[in-house]
C-alpha atoms as a PDB file:
ATOM      1  CA  MET A   1     -30.174-193.589 154.002  1.00  0.00           C
ATOM      2  CA  LEU A   2     -31.855-190.203 154.368  1.00  0.00           C
ATOM      3  CA  LYS A   3     -33.628-189.358 157.584  1.00  0.00           C
ATOM      4  CA  LYS A   4     -36.095-187.180 155.702  1.00  0.00           C
ATOM      5  CA  GLU A   5     -37.902-187.715 152.412  1.00  0.00           C
ATOM      6  CA  PHE A   6     -37.816-184.931 149.842  1.00  0.00           C
ATOM      7  CA  LYS A   7     -41.216-183.455 149.092  1.00  0.00           C
ATOM      8  CA  ARG A   8     -42.385-182.583 145.591  1.00  0.00           C
ATOM      9  CA  LYS A   9     -42.005-178.884 146.420  1.00  0.00           C
ATOM     10  CA  ASP A  10     -38.327-179.352 147.357  1.00  0.00           C
ATOM     11  CA  VAL A  11     -37.566-181.233 144.135  1.00  0.00           C
ATOM     12  CA  GLN A  12     -39.336-178.557 142.054  1.00  0.00           C
ATOM     13  CA  ARG A  13     -37.341-175.810 143.790  1.00  0.00           C
ATOM     14  CA  VAL A  14     -34.037-177.525 142.925  1.00  0.00           C
ATOM     15  CA  ARG A  15     -35.186-178.027 139.302  1.00  0.00           C
ATOM     16  CA  ASN A  16     -35.996-174.328 139.043  1.00  0.00           C
ATOM     17  CA  LEU A  17     -32.569-173.383 140.419  1.00  0.00           C
ATOM     18  CA  VAL A  18     -30.747-175.709 138.008  1.00  0.00           C
ATOM     19  CA  MET A  19     -32.728-174.400 135.027  1.00  0.00           C
ATOM     20  CA  GLY A  20     -31.986-170.784 136.018  1.00  0.00           C
ATOM     21  CA  LYS A  21     -35.537-169.858 137.012  1.00  0.00           C
ATOM     22  CA  THR A  22     -34.637-168.404 140.399  1.00  0.00           C
ATOM     23  CA  GLY A  23     -37.864-166.425 140.803  1.00  0.00           C
ATOM     24  CA  ALA A  24     -40.190-169.248 139.733  1.00  0.00           C
ATOM     25  CA  SER A  25     -42.692-170.655 142.192  1.00  0.00           C
ATOM     26  CA  SER A  26     -42.219-174.205 143.456  1.00  0.00           C
ATOM     27  CA  GLY A  27     -45.829-174.685 144.510  1.00  0.00           C
ATOM     28  CA  SER A  28     -49.310-173.411 143.890  1.00  0.00           C
ATOM     29  CA  GLN A  29     -51.186-171.294 146.358  1.00  0.00           C
ATOM     30  CA  ILE A  30     -54.919-171.070 146.719  1.00  0.00           C
ATOM     31  CA  GLY A  31     -56.464-167.949 148.147  1.00  0.00           C
ATOM     32  CA  TYR A  32     -57.196-164.294 147.607  1.00  0.00           C
ATOM     33  CA  ASN A  33     -55.344-162.384 144.899  1.00  0.00           C
ATOM     34  CA  LYS A  34     -55.297-158.620 145.314  1.00  0.00           C
ATOM     35  CA  LYS A  35     -56.356-156.712 142.226  1.00  0.00           C
ATOM     36  CA  GLU A  36     -53.369-154.701 140.956  1.00  0.00           C
ATOM     37  CA  GLU A  37     -54.106-151.358 139.313  1.00  0.00           C
ATOM     38  CA  GLU A  38     -51.622-149.510 137.138  1.00  0.00           C
ATOM     39  CA  ARG A  39     -51.159-145.966 138.418  1.00  0.00           C
ATOM     40  CA  LYS A  40     -49.730-143.150 136.298  1.00  0.00           C
ATOM     41  CA  GLU A  41     -48.037-139.849 137.126  1.00  0.00           C
ATOM     42  CA  GLY A  42     -50.523-137.431 138.702  1.00  0.00           C
ATOM     43  CA  ASP A  43     -53.215-140.012 139.558  1.00  0.00           C
ATOM     44  CA  VAL A  44     -55.059-139.430 142.839  1.00  0.00           C
ATOM     45  CA  TRP A  45     -56.792-142.292 144.668  1.00  0.00           C
ATOM     46  CA  THR A  46     -58.019-143.255 148.139  1.00  0.00           C
ATOM     47  CA  GLU A  47     -57.072-146.416 150.033  1.00  0.00           C
ATOM     48  CA  GLY A  48     -58.763-146.741 153.399  1.00  0.00           C
ATOM     49  CA  ARG A  49     -58.652-143.267 154.933  1.00  0.00           C
ATOM     50  CA  LYS A  50     -55.549-142.032 153.073  1.00  0.00           C
ATOM     51  CA  THR A  51     -55.392-140.150 149.789  1.00  0.00           C
ATOM     52  CA  TRP A  52     -52.427-141.019 147.560  1.00  0.00           C
ATOM     53  CA  THR A  53     -50.812-139.527 144.454  1.00  0.00           C
ATOM     54  CA  ILE A  54     -47.736-140.130 142.314  1.00  0.00           C
ATOM     55  CA  LYS A  55     -45.280-137.248 141.927  1.00  0.00           C
ATOM     56  CA  ASN A  56     -41.944-137.663 140.120  1.00  0.00           C
ATOM     57  CA  GLY A  57     -42.438-141.440 140.090  1.00  0.00           C
ATOM     58  CA  ILE A  58     -42.822-141.633 143.888  1.00  0.00           C
ATOM     59  CA  LYS A  59     -46.015-142.684 145.656  1.00  0.00           C
ATOM     60  CA  GLN A  60     -46.911-139.989 148.229  1.00  0.00           C
ATOM     61  CA  THR A  61     -49.751-139.329 150.641  1.00  0.00           C
ATOM     62  CA  ILE A  62     -51.773-136.143 150.451  1.00  0.00           C
ATOM     63  CA  SER A  63     -52.503-134.718 153.882  1.00  0.00           C
ATOM     64  CA  LYS A  64     -55.165-132.225 154.861  1.00  0.00           C
ATOM     65  CA  LEU A  65     -52.476-129.718 155.827  1.00  0.00           C
ATOM     66  CA  ASP A  66     -50.654-129.598 152.457  1.00  0.00           C
ATOM     67  CA  ALA A  67     -52.564-126.492 151.325  1.00  0.00           C
ATOM     68  CA  ILE A  68     -51.833-124.737 154.621  1.00  0.00           C
ATOM     69  CA  LYS A  69     -48.136-125.643 154.411  1.00  0.00           C
ATOM     70  CA  LYS A  70     -47.984-124.135 150.928  1.00  0.00           C
ATOM     71  CA  GLU A  71     -49.480-120.846 152.183  1.00  0.00           C
ATOM     72  CA  VAL A  72     -47.219-120.566 155.247  1.00  0.00           C
ATOM     73  CA  PHE A  73     -43.979-121.536 153.497  1.00  0.00           C
ATOM     74  CA  MET A  74     -41.819-118.518 152.591  1.00  0.00           C
ATOM     75  CA  PRO A  75     -39.748-119.043 149.418  1.00  0.00           C
ATOM     76  CA  LEU A  76     -36.049-118.222 149.188  1.00  0.00           C
ATOM     77  CA  CYS A  77     -36.570-115.542 146.500  1.00  0.00           C
ATOM     78  CA  CYS A  78     -39.285-112.935 146.065  1.00  0.00           C
ATOM     79  CA  PRO A  79     -41.879-114.013 143.475  1.00  0.00           C
ATOM     80  CA  GLU A  80     -42.120-110.474 142.075  1.00  0.00           C
ATOM     81  CA  CYS A  81     -38.534-109.175 141.829  1.00  0.00           C
ATOM     82  CA  GLY A  82     -36.509-112.405 142.221  1.00  0.00           C
ATOM     83  CA  ASN A  83     -34.169-111.070 144.931  1.00  0.00           C
ATOM     84  CA  VAL A  84     -33.204-113.202 147.930  1.00  0.00           C
ATOM     85  CA  MET A  85     -35.498-112.592 150.917  1.00  0.00           C
ATOM     86  CA  LYS A  86     -33.149-112.616 153.908  1.00  0.00           C
ATOM     87  CA  LYS A  87     -33.742-109.180 155.453  1.00  0.00           C
ATOM     88  CA  ARG A  88     -35.415-108.737 158.828  1.00  0.00           C
ATOM     89  CA  LEU A  89     -38.615-107.170 157.405  1.00  0.00           C
ATOM     90  CA  ASP A  90     -39.053-109.615 154.520  1.00  0.00           C
ATOM     91  CA  LYS A  91     -40.767-112.311 156.579  1.00  0.00           C
ATOM     92  CA  PRO A  92     -43.612-110.185 158.019  1.00  0.00           C
ATOM     93  CA  ASN A  93     -44.193-108.499 154.655  1.00  0.00           C
ATOM     94  CA  TYR A  94     -44.310-111.836 152.845  1.00  0.00           C
ATOM     95  CA  LYS A  95     -46.968-113.069 155.274  1.00  0.00           C
ATOM     96  CA  LEU A  96     -49.175-110.060 154.466  1.00  0.00           C
ATOM     97  CA  HIS A  97     -48.426-109.144 150.844  1.00  0.00           C
ATOM     98  CA  LYS A  98     -46.709-112.265 149.379  1.00  0.00           C
ATOM     99  CA  LYS A  99     -43.699-110.158 148.300  1.00  0.00           C
ATOM    100  CA  CYS A 100     -40.488-108.813 149.850  1.00  0.00           C
ATOM    101  CA  TYR A 101     -40.103-105.570 151.800  1.00  0.00           C
ATOM    102  CA  ASP A 102     -38.497-103.758 148.869  1.00  0.00           C
ATOM    103  CA  CYS A 103     -41.404-104.588 146.538  1.00  0.00           C
ATOM    104  CA  VAL A 104     -43.978-103.443 149.093  1.00  0.00           C
END
């Protein structure tokens, strides 16, 4: 004799496993269902206090400092001539003129 009775939920779970429906629900739930929205590449939306976007299929946050980071970041190659900027005077000239020392 069993010490514990099987509940309807347990029997339904075993039925689902035998029939191959491993992801099927064994019971019903009552409550709040969150509204799902389909987002596409390049969409921008706000949830709470954060701003989100999708780039290359990845959900990313947009911070207030992204524009500043883009201005401060020095690229590997000069945008004008295409040469590698690794000389000592390239960094200060890029900050002022947005090109390498040779182009200035």
